[in-house]
């Protein structure tokens, strides 16, 4: 079962997320999911 988290972003982060969503034609939610995935992968790689 999926778990929901709430993330609070500052204005600069919101603009960056919106720009990425617009640039790639995806939703802001999809941008956040991809950024989270990339960050988790990078964290896992750095602990190996």
N, C-alpha and C. Protein backbone atom coordinates (compact mmCIF):
# COMPACT_ATOMS: atom_id res chain seq x y z
N UNK A 1 0.85 -1.18 0.00
CA UNK A 1 0.00 0.00 0.00
C UNK A 1 0.89 1.25 0.00
N UNK A 2 0.64 2.17 -0.91
CA UNK A 2 1.47 3.38 -0.99
C UNK A 2 1.30 4.26 0.25
N UNK A 3 2.37 4.94 0.58
CA UNK A 3 2.35 5.91 1.67
C UNK A 3 2.50 7.29 1.07
N UNK A 4 1.77 8.25 1.59
CA UNK A 4 1.86 9.63 1.11
C UNK A 4 2.70 10.45 2.05
N UNK A 5 3.54 11.30 1.47
CA UNK A 5 4.35 12.24 2.23
C UNK A 5 4.01 13.64 1.75
N UNK A 6 4.18 14.59 2.63
CA UNK A 6 4.01 15.99 2.27
C UNK A 6 5.38 16.64 2.26
N UNK A 7 5.66 17.37 1.18
CA UNK A 7 6.94 18.06 1.05
C UNK A 7 6.66 19.55 0.94
N UNK A 8 7.38 20.32 1.72
CA UNK A 8 7.24 21.78 1.66
C UNK A 8 8.43 22.32 0.88
N UNK A 9 8.15 23.06 -0.19
CA UNK A 9 9.20 23.61 -1.06
C UNK A 9 9.20 25.13 -0.96
N UNK A 10 10.39 25.69 -1.07
CA UNK A 10 10.45 27.16 -1.11
C UNK A 10 10.16 27.63 -2.54
N UNK A 11 10.06 28.92 -2.72
CA UNK A 11 9.67 29.48 -4.02
C UNK A 11 10.63 29.10 -5.14
N UNK A 12 11.92 29.08 -4.85
CA UNK A 12 12.91 28.71 -5.87
C UNK A 12 12.74 27.27 -6.30
N UNK A 13 12.49 26.38 -5.35
CA UNK A 13 12.28 24.97 -5.67
C UNK A 13 11.01 24.78 -6.50
N UNK A 14 9.97 25.51 -6.14
CA UNK A 14 8.70 25.42 -6.88
C UNK A 14 8.90 25.84 -8.33
N UNK A 15 9.63 26.93 -8.53
CA UNK A 15 9.89 27.40 -9.90
C UNK A 15 10.71 26.37 -10.69
N UNK A 16 11.71 25.78 -10.05
CA UNK A 16 12.54 24.79 -10.73
C UNK A 16 11.73 23.55 -11.10
N UNK A 17 10.88 23.11 -10.20
CA UNK A 17 10.03 21.94 -10.46
C UNK A 17 9.06 22.25 -11.60
N UNK A 18 8.47 23.42 -11.58
CA UNK A 18 7.54 23.82 -12.64
C UNK A 18 8.24 23.91 -13.99
N UNK A 19 9.45 24.47 -14.00
CA UNK A 19 10.22 24.56 -15.26
C UNK A 19 10.51 23.17 -15.81
N UNK A 20 10.93 22.25 -14.96
CA UNK A 20 11.21 20.89 -15.42
C UNK A 20 9.96 20.22 -15.97
N UNK A 21 8.85 20.39 -15.27
CA UNK A 21 7.59 19.80 -15.72
C UNK A 21 7.21 20.34 -17.09
N UNK A 22 7.32 21.64 -17.25
CA UNK A 22 6.97 22.27 -18.53
C UNK A 22 7.92 21.82 -19.63
N UNK A 23 9.22 21.81 -19.33
CA UNK A 23 10.24 21.44 -20.33
C UNK A 23 10.02 20.02 -20.86
N UNK A 24 9.67 19.10 -19.98
CA UNK A 24 9.54 17.70 -20.38
C UNK A 24 8.10 17.25 -20.61
N UNK A 25 7.16 18.15 -20.47
CA UNK A 25 5.76 17.83 -20.73
C UNK A 25 5.18 16.80 -19.77
N UNK A 26 5.60 16.90 -18.51
CA UNK A 26 5.09 15.98 -17.50
C UNK A 26 4.53 16.81 -16.34
N UNK A 27 3.88 16.13 -15.41
CA UNK A 27 3.31 16.84 -14.27
C UNK A 27 4.38 17.14 -13.23
N UNK A 28 4.09 18.07 -12.37
CA UNK A 28 5.00 18.39 -11.28
C UNK A 28 5.16 17.18 -10.36
N UNK A 29 4.10 16.42 -10.19
CA UNK A 29 4.17 15.20 -9.37
C UNK A 29 5.18 14.21 -9.97
N UNK A 30 5.15 14.06 -11.30
CA UNK A 30 6.10 13.17 -11.96
C UNK A 30 7.53 13.66 -11.80
N UNK A 31 7.73 14.97 -11.86
CA UNK A 31 9.06 15.54 -11.64
C UNK A 31 9.55 15.17 -10.24
N UNK A 32 8.70 15.36 -9.25
CA UNK A 32 9.08 15.05 -7.87
C UNK A 32 9.39 13.57 -7.69
N UNK A 33 8.60 12.71 -8.31
CA UNK A 33 8.85 11.26 -8.20
C UNK A 33 10.20 10.91 -8.82
N UNK A 34 10.51 11.50 -9.97
CA UNK A 34 11.78 11.21 -10.63
C UNK A 34 12.95 11.75 -9.81
N UNK A 35 12.81 12.95 -9.27
CA UNK A 35 13.88 13.51 -8.45
C UNK A 35 14.11 12.66 -7.20
N UNK A 36 13.05 12.17 -6.60
CA UNK A 36 13.16 11.31 -5.43
C UNK A 36 13.87 10.01 -5.80
N UNK A 37 13.46 9.40 -6.90
CA UNK A 37 14.11 8.16 -7.36
C UNK A 37 15.60 8.38 -7.60
N UNK A 38 15.95 9.46 -8.30
CA UNK A 38 17.35 9.75 -8.58
C UNK A 38 18.14 9.98 -7.30
N UNK A 39 17.56 10.69 -6.37
CA UNK A 39 18.23 10.96 -5.10
C UNK A 39 18.44 9.69 -4.29
N UNK A 40 17.46 8.81 -4.27
CA UNK A 40 17.60 7.55 -3.55
C UNK A 40 18.66 6.66 -4.19
N UNK A 41 18.68 6.63 -5.53
CA UNK A 41 19.70 5.85 -6.22
C UNK A 41 21.10 6.38 -5.90
N UNK A 42 21.25 7.69 -5.92
CA UNK A 42 22.55 8.30 -5.62
C UNK A 42 22.96 8.00 -4.17
N UNK A 43 22.02 8.04 -3.26
CA UNK A 43 22.33 7.76 -1.85
C UNK A 43 22.76 6.30 -1.68
N UNK A 44 22.09 5.41 -2.37
CA UNK A 44 22.44 3.99 -2.28
C UNK A 44 23.83 3.75 -2.86
N UNK A 45 24.14 4.40 -3.96
CA UNK A 45 25.45 4.23 -4.61
C UNK A 45 26.57 4.76 -3.72
N UNK A 46 26.31 5.81 -2.99
CA UNK A 46 27.35 6.40 -2.17
C UNK A 46 27.62 5.59 -0.91
N UNK A 47 26.71 4.70 -0.56
CA UNK A 47 26.92 3.87 0.64
C UNK A 47 27.54 2.53 0.31
N UNK A 48 27.73 2.26 -0.98
CA UNK A 48 28.30 0.96 -1.40
C UNK A 48 29.80 0.98 -1.36
